[in-house]
Amino acid sequence: MPIVTNATASIQACIDACNACMQACEECYTACFNEPDVEARIRCIRTLRDCADICSMSSQYMSRNSDFSAQLCATCATICDSCATECSKMKDTHCQKCADMCRKCADECRKMASQSQAAR
């Protein structure tokens, strides 16, 4: 549900998915540093940071109804897909849960990007 106005009502699911994915990536990032095989996780850890950052930025752009939201969300979907791939290579629960969140976010971002571009 939008917080202040109804301007974001049609894309609220994407904003919520981006916020949840950002949180999942931040939590997973921290948890990965506590795993005994940190060196094997370097690519995953880097991707988690990128994913958290793009999700946060995408949420911000959508919240302010930016003209660039669709393009940013298309990029966010790509990065979320990559993060899901990296996390799913790890066997621990936090990475598996994060991969699921990344997939959900990627799906919502693709929907938002295609709906926004269709409206133009």
Protein backbone atom coordinates (compact mmCIF):
# COMPACT_ATOMS: atom_id res chain seq x y z
CA MET A 1 0.00 0.00 0.00
CA PRO A 2 1.40 3.40 -0.94
CA ILE A 3 2.47 5.49 2.02
CA VAL A 4 1.55 9.08 1.11
CA THR A 5 -0.19 9.15 -2.29
CA ASN A 6 -1.72 6.65 -4.69
CA ALA A 7 0.81 7.47 -7.42
CA THR A 8 2.66 4.20 -6.91
CA ALA A 9 -0.33 1.89 -6.37
CA SER A 10 0.12 0.05 -9.69
CA ILE A 11 3.79 -0.67 -8.99
CA GLN A 12 3.63 -1.21 -5.24
CA ALA A 13 4.25 -4.96 -5.58
CA CYS A 14 7.53 -4.19 -7.34
CA ILE A 15 8.56 -1.61 -4.74
CA ASP A 16 7.82 -4.14 -1.99
CA ALA A 17 9.73 -6.90 -3.81
CA CYS A 18 12.75 -4.62 -4.28
CA ASN A 19 12.75 -3.64 -0.61
CA ALA A 20 12.46 -7.28 0.51
CA CYS A 21 15.20 -8.37 -1.89
CA MET A 22 17.50 -5.59 -0.72
CA GLN A 23 17.03 -6.72 2.87
CA ALA A 24 17.57 -10.39 1.97
CA CYS A 25 20.77 -9.54 0.10
CA GLU A 26 22.11 -7.44 2.97
CA GLU A 27 21.38 -10.22 5.46
CA CYS A 28 22.86 -12.89 3.20
CA TYR A 29 25.94 -10.72 2.56
CA THR A 30 26.59 -10.54 6.30
CA ALA A 31 25.89 -14.25 6.81
CA CYS A 32 28.28 -15.21 4.00
CA PHE A 33 31.14 -13.54 5.85
CA ASN A 34 30.46 -15.86 8.79
CA GLU A 35 30.74 -19.00 6.67
CA PRO A 36 33.99 -21.00 6.76
CA ASP A 37 34.41 -20.86 2.96
CA VAL A 38 34.38 -17.07 2.50
CA GLU A 39 37.02 -17.23 -0.24
CA ALA A 40 34.76 -19.48 -2.33
CA ARG A 41 31.95 -16.94 -1.95
CA ILE A 42 33.69 -13.82 -3.25
CA ARG A 43 31.70 -13.67 -6.50
CA CYS A 44 28.46 -14.31 -4.60
CA ILE A 45 29.30 -11.63 -2.02
CA ARG A 46 30.06 -9.05 -4.71
CA THR A 47 26.84 -9.85 -6.52
CA LEU A 48 24.87 -9.57 -3.28
CA ARG A 49 26.17 -6.01 -2.82
CA ASP A 50 25.29 -5.08 -6.40
CA CYS A 51 21.84 -6.58 -6.03
CA ALA A 52 21.10 -4.84 -2.73
CA ASP A 53 22.19 -1.51 -4.19
CA ILE A 54 20.17 -1.77 -7.43
CA CYS A 55 17.08 -2.95 -5.53
CA SER A 56 17.30 0.02 -3.18
CA MET A 57 17.79 2.43 -6.06
CA SER A 58 14.94 0.89 -8.05
CA SER A 59 12.59 1.25 -5.08
CA GLN A 60 13.60 4.89 -4.72
CA TYR A 61 13.06 5.64 -8.42
CA MET A 62 9.66 3.97 -8.44
CA SER A 63 8.64 5.72 -5.21
CA ARG A 64 9.28 9.10 -6.81
CA ASN A 65 7.61 8.00 -10.06
CA SER A 66 10.78 8.65 -12.06
CA ASP A 67 10.68 8.55 -15.85
CA PHE A 68 13.64 6.17 -15.65
CA SER A 69 12.00 3.55 -13.42
CA ALA A 70 11.31 1.09 -16.23
CA GLN A 71 14.90 1.11 -17.47
CA LEU A 72 16.28 0.78 -13.97
CA CYS A 73 13.90 -2.07 -13.16
CA ALA A 74 14.95 -3.91 -16.32
CA THR A 75 18.55 -3.66 -15.12
CA CYS A 76 17.48 -4.66 -11.62
CA ALA A 77 15.86 -7.83 -13.01
CA THR A 78 19.11 -8.76 -14.75
CA ILE A 79 21.17 -8.26 -11.59
CA CYS A 80 18.62 -10.11 -9.44
CA ASP A 81 18.76 -13.05 -11.85
CA SER A 82 22.55 -13.08 -11.58
CA CYS A 83 22.40 -12.91 -7.79
CA ALA A 84 19.88 -15.76 -7.68
CA THR A 85 22.24 -17.85 -9.81
CA GLU A 86 25.22 -17.12 -7.55
CA CYS A 87 23.31 -17.69 -4.31
CA SER A 88 21.78 -20.94 -5.55
CA LYS A 89 25.31 -22.35 -5.96
CA MET A 90 25.70 -22.19 -2.18
CA LYS A 91 24.08 -24.92 -0.10
CA ASP A 92 23.30 -22.98 3.08
CA THR A 93 19.77 -21.86 3.93
CA HIS A 94 20.40 -18.12 3.87
CA CYS A 95 21.72 -18.24 0.30
CA GLN A 96 18.86 -20.46 -0.87
CA LYS A 97 16.28 -18.12 0.68
CA CYS A 98 18.02 -15.11 -0.82
CA ALA A 99 18.01 -16.75 -4.26
CA ASP A 100 14.23 -17.17 -3.96
CA MET A 101 13.78 -13.51 -3.03
CA CYS A 102 15.98 -12.45 -5.95
CA ARG A 103 13.89 -14.50 -8.38
CA LYS A 104 10.67 -12.94 -7.07
CA CYS A 105 12.12 -9.47 -7.36
CA ALA A 106 13.36 -10.13 -10.89
CA ASP A 107 9.87 -11.27 -11.90
CA GLU A 108 8.23 -8.17 -10.40
CA CYS A 109 10.80 -5.88 -12.01
CA ARG A 110 10.23 -7.44 -15.42
CA LYS A 111 6.47 -6.97 -15.02
CA MET A 112 6.91 -3.36 -13.96
CA ALA A 113 9.33 -2.57 -16.77
CA SER A 114 7.05 -4.09 -19.43
CA GLN A 115 3.92 -2.43 -18.01
CA SER A 116 5.65 0.96 -17.92
CA GLN A 117 6.97 0.66 -21.44
CA ALA A 118 3.58 -0.49 -22.74
CA ALA A 119 2.02 2.64 -21.24
CA ARG A 120 4.36 4.93 -23.19
